[in-house]
Amino acid sequence: MVERRKELDKRYQRKKKLGKLKLKLAQAATPGDKDAVVQKILKISPWWSEKPAVAGAKSTAPKKPRAPASRKKS
């Protein structure tokens, strides 16, 4: 079970780091900056591509937390 926990922890850390790098890539101004960020992303995730493979791919933008719905007693 310890090995599985280590694998999961690495996966979560990788996802968090990729999210930060993708945000940096979106904010990069010069082609040199973009290339440097892409190289870092490819080092972590070699199968990553800038274009989504599926037309209906999910956005990488962080989701806004939903406010709990108020329940009215009738």
PDB file of N, CA and C in Angstrom:
ATOM      1  N   MET A   1       0.825  -1.197   0.000  1.00  0.00           N
ATOM      2  CA  MET A   1       0.000   0.000   0.000  1.00  0.00           C
ATOM      3  C   MET A   1       0.867   1.258   0.000  1.00  0.00           C
ATOM      4  N   VAL A   2       2.056   1.160   0.588  1.00  0.00           N
ATOM      5  CA  VAL A   2       2.945   2.313   0.660  1.00  0.00           C
ATOM      6  C   VAL A   2       3.391   2.724  -0.737  1.00  0.00           C
ATOM      7  N   GLU A   3       3.677   1.744  -1.609  1.00  0.00           N
ATOM      8  CA  GLU A   3       4.114   2.059  -2.963  1.00  0.00           C
ATOM      9  C   GLU A   3       3.025   2.795  -3.727  1.00  0.00           C
ATOM     10  N   ARG A   4       1.806   2.344  -3.557  1.00  0.00           N
ATOM     11  CA  ARG A   4       0.672   2.981  -4.242  1.00  0.00           C
ATOM     12  C   ARG A   4       0.516   4.426  -3.782  1.00  0.00           C
ATOM     13  N   ARG A   5       0.686   4.658  -2.501  1.00  0.00           N
ATOM     14  CA  ARG A   5       0.565   6.017  -1.954  1.00  0.00           C
ATOM     15  C   ARG A   5       1.649   6.923  -2.553  1.00  0.00           C
ATOM     16  N   LYS A   6       2.864   6.389  -2.688  1.00  0.00           N
ATOM     17  CA  LYS A   6       3.955   7.157  -3.283  1.00  0.00           C
ATOM     18  C   LYS A   6       3.640   7.507  -4.735  1.00  0.00           C
ATOM     19  N   GLU A   7       3.097   6.538  -5.478  1.00  0.00           N
ATOM     20  CA  GLU A   7       2.738   6.774  -6.873  1.00  0.00           C
ATOM     21  C   GLU A   7       1.668   7.860  -6.977  1.00  0.00           C
ATOM     22  N   LEU A   8       0.676   7.780  -6.108  1.00  0.00           N
ATOM     23  CA  LEU A   8      -0.397   8.774  -6.129  1.00  0.00           C
ATOM     24  C   LEU A   8       0.125  10.159  -5.774  1.00  0.00           C
ATOM     25  N   ASP A   9       0.984  10.235  -4.772  1.00  0.00           N
ATOM     26  CA  ASP A   9       1.550  11.523  -4.376  1.00  0.00           C
ATOM     27  C   ASP A   9       2.342  12.152  -5.524  1.00  0.00           C
ATOM     28  N   LYS A  10       3.124  11.338  -6.224  1.00  0.00           N
ATOM     29  CA  LYS A  10       3.884  11.843  -7.373  1.00  0.00           C
ATOM     30  C   LYS A  10       2.946  12.339  -8.469  1.00  0.00           C
ATOM     31  N   ARG A  11       1.874  11.597  -8.697  1.00  0.00           N
ATOM     32  CA  ARG A  11       0.913  11.984  -9.738  1.00  0.00           C
ATOM     33  C   ARG A  11       0.254  13.317  -9.407  1.00  0.00           C
ATOM     34  N   TYR A  12      -0.160  13.478  -8.150  1.00  0.00           N
ATOM     35  CA  TYR A  12      -0.811  14.728  -7.740  1.00  0.00           C
ATOM     36  C   TYR A  12       0.157  15.904  -7.848  1.00  0.00           C
ATOM     37  N   GLN A  13       1.405  15.686  -7.456  1.00  0.00           N
ATOM     38  CA  GLN A  13       2.405  16.753  -7.537  1.00  0.00           C
ATOM     39  C   GLN A  13       2.665  17.130  -8.991  1.00  0.00           C
ATOM     40  N   ARG A  14       2.734  16.119  -9.864  1.00  0.00           N
ATOM     41  CA  ARG A  14       2.965  16.364 -11.289  1.00  0.00           C
ATOM     42  C   ARG A  14       1.808  17.172 -11.884  1.00  0.00           C
ATOM     43  N   LYS A  15       0.580  16.820 -11.533  1.00  0.00           N
ATOM     44  CA  LYS A  15      -0.579  17.556 -12.043  1.00  0.00           C
ATOM     45  C   LYS A  15      -0.562  19.009 -11.581  1.00  0.00           C
ATOM     46  N   LYS A  16      -0.186  19.221 -10.324  1.00  0.00           N
ATOM     47  CA  LYS A  16      -0.137  20.573  -9.787  1.00  0.00           C
ATOM     48  C   LYS A  16       0.932  21.400 -10.515  1.00  0.00           C
ATOM     49  N   LYS A  17       2.091  20.795 -10.729  1.00  0.00           N
ATOM     50  CA  LYS A  17       3.197  21.487 -11.385  1.00  0.00           C
ATOM     51  C   LYS A  17       2.859  21.768 -12.848  1.00  0.00           C
ATOM     52  N   LEU A  18       2.218  20.813 -13.530  1.00  0.00           N
ATOM     53  CA  LEU A  18       1.830  21.037 -14.916  1.00  0.00           C
ATOM     54  C   LEU A  18       0.818  22.173 -15.021  1.00  0.00           C
ATOM     55  N   GLY A  19      -0.081  22.256 -14.070  1.00  0.00           N
ATOM     56  CA  GLY A  19      -1.053  23.348 -14.075  1.00  0.00           C
ATOM     57  C   GLY A  19      -0.372  24.701 -13.980  1.00  0.00           C
ATOM     58  N   LYS A  20       0.628  24.802 -13.104  1.00  0.00           N
ATOM     59  CA  LYS A  20       1.367  26.058 -12.953  1.00  0.00           C
ATOM     60  C   LYS A  20       2.142  26.389 -14.225  1.00  0.00           C
ATOM     61  N   LEU A  21       2.754  25.366 -14.838  1.00  0.00           N
ATOM     62  CA  LEU A  21       3.538  25.603 -16.049  1.00  0.00           C
ATOM     63  C   LEU A  21       2.633  25.998 -17.221  1.00  0.00           C
ATOM     64  N   LYS A  22       1.450  25.405 -17.311  1.00  0.00           N
ATOM     65  CA  LYS A  22       0.521  25.765 -18.380  1.00  0.00           C
ATOM     66  C   LYS A  22       0.044  27.208 -18.218  1.00  0.00           C
ATOM     67  N   LEU A  23      -0.149  27.623 -16.984  1.00  0.00           N
ATOM     68  CA  LEU A  23      -0.529  29.008 -16.721  1.00  0.00           C
ATOM     69  C   LEU A  23       0.603  29.949 -17.142  1.00  0.00           C
ATOM     70  N   LYS A  24       1.846  29.575 -16.812  1.00  0.00           N
ATOM     71  CA  LYS A  24       3.008  30.360 -17.225  1.00  0.00           C
ATOM     72  C   LYS A  24       3.098  30.436 -18.743  1.00  0.00           C
ATOM     73  N   LEU A  25       2.799  29.318 -19.411  1.00  0.00           N
ATOM     74  CA  LEU A  25       2.857  29.270 -20.870  1.00  0.00           C
ATOM     75  C   LEU A  25       1.835  30.228 -21.470  1.00  0.00           C
ATOM     76  N   ALA A  26       0.655  30.279 -20.890  1.00  0.00           N
ATOM     77  CA  ALA A  26      -0.385  31.174 -21.392  1.00  0.00           C
ATOM     78  C   ALA A  26       0.000  32.640 -21.193  1.00  0.00           C
ATOM     79  N   GLN A  27       0.778  32.928 -20.147  1.00  0.00           N
ATOM     80  CA  GLN A  27       1.157  34.303 -19.847  1.00  0.00           C
ATOM     81  C   GLN A  27       2.486  34.707 -20.461  1.00  0.00           C
ATOM     82  N   ALA A  28       3.202  33.770 -21.086  1.00  0.00           N
ATOM     83  CA  ALA A  28       4.513  34.072 -21.664  1.00  0.00           C
ATOM     84  C   ALA A  28       4.370  35.063 -22.810  1.00  0.00           C
ATOM     85  N   ALA A  29       5.244  36.061 -22.823  1.00  0.00           N
ATOM     86  CA  ALA A  29       5.150  37.133 -23.808  1.00  0.00           C
ATOM     87  C   ALA A  29       5.988  36.844 -25.048  1.00  0.00           C
ATOM     88  N   THR A  30       7.205  36.382 -24.868  1.00  0.00           N
ATOM     89  CA  THR A  30       8.099  36.195 -26.009  1.00  0.00           C
ATOM     90  C   THR A  30       8.163  34.723 -26.409  1.00  0.00           C
ATOM     91  N   PRO A  31       8.506  34.460 -27.663  1.00  0.00           N
ATOM     92  CA  PRO A  31       8.647  33.062 -28.099  1.00  0.00           C
ATOM     93  C   PRO A  31       9.726  32.309 -27.316  1.00  0.00           C
ATOM     94  N   GLY A  32      10.768  33.022 -26.887  1.00  0.00           N
ATOM     95  CA  GLY A  32      11.818  32.386 -26.098  1.00  0.00           C
ATOM     96  C   GLY A  32      11.302  31.904 -24.751  1.00  0.00           C
ATOM     97  N   ASP A  33      10.453  32.730 -24.120  1.00  0.00           N
ATOM     98  CA  ASP A  33       9.854  32.337 -22.839  1.00  0.00           C
ATOM     99  C   ASP A  33       8.954  31.121 -23.026  1.00  0.00           C
ATOM    100  N   LYS A  34       8.149  31.149 -24.095  1.00  0.00           N
ATOM    101  CA  LYS A  34       7.233  30.041 -24.363  1.00  0.00           C
ATOM    102  C   LYS A  34       8.005  28.749 -24.598  1.00  0.00           C
ATOM    103  N   ASP A  35       9.103  28.847 -25.353  1.00  0.00           N
ATOM    104  CA  ASP A  35       9.901  27.666 -25.643  1.00  0.00           C
ATOM    105  C   ASP A  35      10.498  27.079 -24.365  1.00  0.00           C
ATOM    106  N   ALA A  36      10.969  27.934 -23.465  1.00  0.00           N
ATOM    107  CA  ALA A  36      11.550  27.467 -22.212  1.00  0.00           C
ATOM    108  C   ALA A  36      10.502  26.741 -21.362  1.00  0.00           C
ATOM    109  N   VAL A  37       9.298  27.290 -21.307  1.00  0.00           N
ATOM    110  CA  VAL A  37       8.228  26.663 -20.516  1.00  0.00           C
ATOM    111  C   VAL A  37       7.813  25.340 -21.148  1.00  0.00           C
ATOM    112  N   VAL A  38       7.712  25.303 -22.480  1.00  0.00           N
ATOM    113  CA  VAL A  38       7.341  24.062 -23.167  1.00  0.00           C
ATOM    114  C   VAL A  38       8.381  22.986 -22.900  1.00  0.00           C
ATOM    115  N   GLN A  39       9.650  23.346 -22.890  1.00  0.00           N
ATOM    116  CA  GLN A  39      10.705  22.369 -22.608  1.00  0.00           C
ATOM    117  C   GLN A  39      10.553  21.793 -21.192  1.00  0.00           C
ATOM    118  N   LYS A  40      10.190  22.645 -20.228  1.00  0.00           N
ATOM    119  CA  LYS A  40       9.971  22.166 -18.861  1.00  0.00           C
ATOM    120  C   LYS A  40       8.773  21.219 -18.794  1.00  0.00           C
ATOM    121  N   ILE A  41       7.712  21.589 -19.523  1.00  0.00           N
ATOM    122  CA  ILE A  41       6.517  20.742 -19.543  1.00  0.00           C
ATOM    123  C   ILE A  41       6.843  19.385 -20.152  1.00  0.00           C
ATOM    124  N   LEU A  42       7.586  19.389 -21.254  1.00  0.00           N
ATOM    125  CA  LEU A  42       7.920  18.132 -21.921  1.00  0.00           C
ATOM    126  C   LEU A  42       8.867  17.271 -21.084  1.00  0.00           C
ATOM    127  N   LYS A  43       9.643  17.885 -20.223  1.00  0.00           N
ATOM    128  CA  LYS A  43      10.522  17.128 -19.338  1.00  0.00           C
ATOM    129  C   LYS A  43       9.694  16.347 -18.320  1.00  0.00           C
ATOM    130  N   ILE A  44       8.612  16.974 -17.852  1.00  0.00           N
ATOM    131  CA  ILE A  44       7.736  16.335 -16.869  1.00  0.00           C
ATOM    132  C   ILE A  44       6.783  15.353 -17.546  1.00  0.00           C
ATOM    133  N   SER A  45       6.245  15.777 -18.702  1.00  0.00           N
ATOM    134  CA  SER A  45       5.220  15.002 -19.386  1.00  0.00           C
ATOM    135  C   SER A  45       5.545  14.932 -20.873  1.00  0.00           C
ATOM    136  N   PRO A  46       6.324  13.951 -21.310  1.00  0.00           N
ATOM    137  CA  PRO A  46       6.775  13.886 -22.706  1.00  0.00           C
ATOM    138  C   PRO A  46       5.653  13.715 -23.723  1.00  0.00           C
ATOM    139  N   TRP A  47       4.514  13.182 -23.326  1.00  0.00           N
ATOM    140  CA  TRP A  47       3.411  12.943 -24.247  1.00  0.00           C
ATOM    141  C   TRP A  47       2.505  14.157 -24.413  1.00  0.00           C
ATOM    142  N   TRP A  48       2.781  15.245 -23.709  1.00  0.00           N
ATOM    143  CA  TRP A  48       1.947  16.441 -23.750  1.00  0.00           C
ATOM    144  C   TRP A  48       2.067  17.136 -25.100  1.00  0.00           C
ATOM    145  N   SER A  49       0.953  17.659 -25.608  1.00  0.00           N
ATOM    146  CA  SER A  49       0.983  18.479 -26.814  1.00  0.00           C
ATOM    147  C   SER A  49       0.177  19.739 -26.550  1.00  0.00           C
ATOM    148  N   GLU A  50       0.539  20.811 -27.224  1.00  0.00           N
ATOM    149  CA  GLU A  50      -0.098  22.097 -26.974  1.00  0.00           C
ATOM    150  C   GLU A  50      -1.558  22.108 -27.411  1.00  0.00           C
ATOM    151  N   LYS A  51      -1.872  21.395 -28.453  1.00  0.00           N
ATOM    152  CA  LYS A  51      -3.244  21.327 -28.958  1.00  0.00           C
ATOM    153  C   LYS A  51      -3.974  20.164 -28.299  1.00  0.00           C
ATOM    154  N   PRO A  52      -5.231  20.369 -27.860  1.00  0.00           N
ATOM    155  CA  PRO A  52      -5.983  19.251 -27.294  1.00  0.00           C
ATOM    156  C   PRO A  52      -6.265  18.213 -28.377  1.00  0.00           C
ATOM    157  N   ALA A  53      -6.148  16.933 -28.031  1.00  0.00           N
ATOM    158  CA  ALA A  53      -6.338  15.860 -28.994  1.00  0.00           C
ATOM    159  C   ALA A  53      -7.810  15.714 -29.384  1.00  0.00           C
ATOM    160  N   VAL A  54      -8.712  16.008 -28.466  1.00  0.00           N
ATOM    161  CA  VAL A  54     -10.141  15.848 -28.703  1.00  0.00           C
ATOM    162  C   VAL A  54     -10.775  17.232 -28.793  1.00  0.00           C
ATOM    163  N   ALA A  55     -11.716  17.396 -29.702  1.00  0.00           N
ATOM    164  CA  ALA A  55     -12.360  18.699 -29.884  1.00  0.00           C
ATOM    165  C   ALA A  55     -13.079  19.156 -28.621  1.00  0.00           C
ATOM    166  N   GLY A  56     -13.648  18.245 -27.879  1.00  0.00           N
ATOM    167  CA  GLY A  56     -14.395  18.593 -26.675  1.00  0.00           C
ATOM    168  C   GLY A  56     -13.561  18.447 -25.411  1.00  0.00           C
ATOM    169  N   ALA A  57     -12.261  18.655 -25.520  1.00  0.00           N
ATOM    170  CA  ALA A  57     -11.372  18.481 -24.361  1.00  0.00           C
ATOM    171  C   ALA A  57     -11.704  19.494 -23.282  1.00  0.00           C
ATOM    172  N   LYS A  58     -11.460  19.100 -22.052  1.00  0.00           N
ATOM    173  CA  LYS A  58     -11.741  19.967 -20.918  1.00  0.00           C
ATOM    174  C   LYS A  58     -10.733  21.101 -20.852  1.00  0.00           C
ATOM    175  N   SER A  59     -11.168  22.203 -20.330  1.00  0.00           N
ATOM    176  CA  SER A  59     -10.298  23.355 -20.135  1.00  0.00           C
ATOM    177  C   SER A  59      -9.411  23.127 -18.919  1.00  0.00           C
ATOM    178  N   THR A  60      -8.197  23.730 -18.933  1.00  0.00           N
ATOM    179  CA  THR A  60      -7.299  23.591 -17.789  1.00  0.00           C
ATOM    180  C   THR A  60      -7.464  24.742 -16.804  1.00  0.00           C
ATOM    181  N   ALA A  61      -8.437  25.613 -17.069  1.00  0.00           N
ATOM    182  CA  ALA A  61      -8.671  26.745 -16.174  1.00  0.00           C
ATOM    183  C   ALA A  61      -9.203  26.237 -14.835  1.00  0.00           C
ATOM    184  N   PRO A  62      -8.763  26.826 -13.750  1.00  0.00           N
ATOM    185  CA  PRO A  62      -9.258  26.379 -12.445  1.00  0.00           C
ATOM    186  C   PRO A  62     -10.743  26.657 -12.309  1.00  0.00           C
ATOM    187  N   LYS A  63     -11.424  25.718 -11.677  1.00  0.00           N
ATOM    188  CA  LYS A  63     -12.865  25.857 -11.503  1.00  0.00           C
ATOM    189  C   LYS A  63     -13.169  26.741 -10.305  1.00  0.00           C
ATOM    190  N   LYS A  64     -14.242  27.506 -10.434  1.00  0.00           N
ATOM    191  CA  LYS A  64     -14.678  28.341  -9.324  1.00  0.00           C
ATOM    192  C   LYS A  64     -15.498  27.487  -8.365  1.00  0.00           C
ATOM    193  N   PRO A  65     -15.288  27.646  -7.070  1.00  0.00           N
ATOM    194  CA  PRO A  65     -16.093  26.878  -6.125  1.00  0.00           C
ATOM    195  C   PRO A  65     -17.546  27.350  -6.166  1.00  0.00           C
ATOM    196  N   ARG A  66     -18.439  26.398  -6.097  1.00  0.00           N
ATOM    197  CA  ARG A  66     -19.860  26.723  -6.130  1.00  0.00           C
ATOM    198  C   ARG A  66     -20.343  27.051  -4.737  1.00  0.00           C
ATOM    199  N   ALA A  67     -21.203  28.034  -4.675  1.00  0.00           N
ATOM    200  CA  ALA A  67     -21.814  28.389  -3.391  1.00  0.00           C
ATOM    201  C   ALA A  67     -22.895  27.366  -3.088  1.00  0.00           C
ATOM    202  N   PRO A  68     -23.034  26.957  -1.845  1.00  0.00           N
ATOM    203  CA  PRO A  68     -24.073  25.983  -1.525  1.00  0.00           C
ATOM    204  C   PRO A  68     -25.463  26.593  -1.754  1.00  0.00           C
ATOM    205  N   ALA A  69     -26.325  25.784  -2.327  1.00  0.00           N
ATOM    206  CA  ALA A  69     -27.677  26.243  -2.620  1.00  0.00           C
ATOM    207  C   ALA A  69     -28.462  26.354  -1.316  1.00  0.00           C
ATOM    208  N   SER A  70     -29.177  27.457  -1.171  1.00  0.00           N
ATOM    209  CA  SER A  70     -29.989  27.622   0.040  1.00  0.00           C
ATOM    210  C   SER A  70     -31.305  26.872  -0.161  1.00  0.00           C
ATOM    211  N   ARG A  71     -31.711  26.208   0.863  1.00  0.00           N
ATOM    212  CA  ARG A  71     -32.956  25.425   0.792  1.00  0.00           C
ATOM    213  C   ARG A  71     -34.042  26.179   1.559  1.00  0.00           C
ATOM    214  N   LYS A  72     -35.138  26.359   0.885  1.00  0.00           N
ATOM    215  CA  LYS A  72     -36.276  27.029   1.526  1.00  0.00           C
ATOM    216  C   LYS A  72     -37.253  25.971   1.986  1.00  0.00           C
ATOM    217  N   LYS A  73     -37.755  26.158   3.188  1.00  0.00           N
ATOM    218  CA  LYS A  73     -38.786  25.257   3.687  1.00  0.00           C
ATOM    219  C   LYS A  73     -40.141  25.754   3.208  1.00  0.00           C
ATOM    220  N   SER A  74     -40.914  24.820   2.657  1.00  0.00           N
ATOM    221  CA  SER A  74     -42.224  25.244   2.180  1.00  0.00           C
ATOM    222  C   SER A  74     -43.337  24.682   3.005  1.00  0.00           C
TER     223      SER A  74
END
